[in-house]
Amino acid sequence: MSNLIARFVKDESGATAIEYGLIAALIALAIMVGAGSLGSALNAKFDDIADTLEGAGTPPAAPPSGS
């Protein structure tokens, strides 16, 4: 029984695949967080552009009468 446990502890087959899987999961998580942050910033920028364009089509205010 102790021989079986010793062989199990020394056996590292599959460890590399697990490490690559963990690295891929961390990279995917970083991409998702970055994309979410970029999406929020991009949305705010487009809102600013839309607000600027909304005011661009209005005629200038008339000067006050009686001056």
Protein backbone atom coordinates (compact mmCIF):
# COMPACT_ATOMS: atom_id res chain seq x y z
CA MET A 1 0.00 0.00 0.00
CA SER A 2 2.80 2.45 0.84
CA ASN A 3 4.41 1.59 -2.51
CA LEU A 4 1.20 2.63 -4.30
CA ILE A 5 1.07 5.95 -2.44
CA ALA A 6 4.76 6.62 -3.16
CA ARG A 7 4.22 5.99 -6.88
CA PHE A 8 1.17 8.26 -6.87
CA VAL A 9 3.11 11.11 -5.25
CA LYS A 10 5.99 10.79 -7.74
CA ASP A 11 3.72 10.52 -10.80
CA GLU A 12 3.50 13.92 -12.49
CA SER A 13 1.77 12.92 -15.72
CA GLY A 14 -1.04 15.31 -16.49
CA ALA A 15 0.37 18.06 -14.29
CA THR A 16 1.49 20.06 -17.31
CA ALA A 17 -1.96 19.87 -18.88
CA ILE A 18 -3.53 21.09 -15.65
CA GLU A 19 -1.04 23.97 -15.47
CA TYR A 20 -1.81 24.99 -19.06
CA GLY A 21 -5.52 24.83 -18.27
CA LEU A 22 -5.08 27.11 -15.27
CA ILE A 23 -3.01 29.57 -17.30
CA ALA A 24 -5.65 29.62 -20.05
CA ALA A 25 -8.40 30.23 -17.48
CA LEU A 26 -6.49 33.15 -15.95
CA ILE A 27 -5.86 34.68 -19.37
CA ALA A 28 -9.56 34.34 -20.24
CA LEU A 29 -10.51 36.00 -16.96
CA ALA A 30 -8.12 38.89 -17.63
CA ILE A 31 -9.57 39.35 -21.12
CA MET A 32 -13.13 39.42 -19.76
CA VAL A 33 -12.27 42.00 -17.10
CA GLY A 34 -10.38 44.13 -19.62
CA ALA A 35 -13.18 43.95 -22.17
CA GLY A 36 -15.73 44.98 -19.56
CA SER A 37 -13.64 47.96 -18.54
CA LEU A 38 -13.01 48.95 -22.15
CA GLY A 39 -16.72 48.61 -22.94
CA SER A 40 -17.68 50.97 -20.13
CA ALA A 41 -15.12 53.57 -21.19
CA LEU A 42 -16.18 53.29 -24.83
CA ASN A 43 -19.84 53.66 -23.91
CA ALA A 44 -19.10 56.82 -21.92
CA LYS A 45 -17.14 58.27 -24.86
CA PHE A 46 -19.99 57.58 -27.30
CA ASP A 47 -22.44 59.21 -24.87
CA ASP A 48 -20.25 62.33 -24.84
CA ILE A 49 -20.15 62.36 -28.64
CA ALA A 50 -23.94 61.93 -28.84
CA ASP A 51 -24.49 64.82 -26.42
CA THR A 52 -22.19 67.04 -28.48
CA LEU A 53 -23.95 66.14 -31.72
CA GLU A 54 -27.41 66.77 -30.25
CA GLY A 55 -26.54 70.40 -29.55
CA ALA A 56 -24.86 70.92 -32.93
CA GLY A 57 -28.10 71.15 -34.93
CA THR A 58 -29.86 73.83 -32.90
CA PRO A 59 -29.78 77.42 -34.17
CA PRO A 60 -28.08 80.04 -32.01
CA ALA A 61 -30.23 81.81 -29.47
CA ALA A 62 -31.75 85.12 -30.58
CA PRO A 63 -30.31 88.20 -28.93
CA PRO A 64 -32.54 89.75 -26.27
CA SER A 65 -34.94 92.33 -27.67
CA GLY A 66 -34.79 95.95 -26.62
CA SER A 67 -31.07 96.39 -26.53
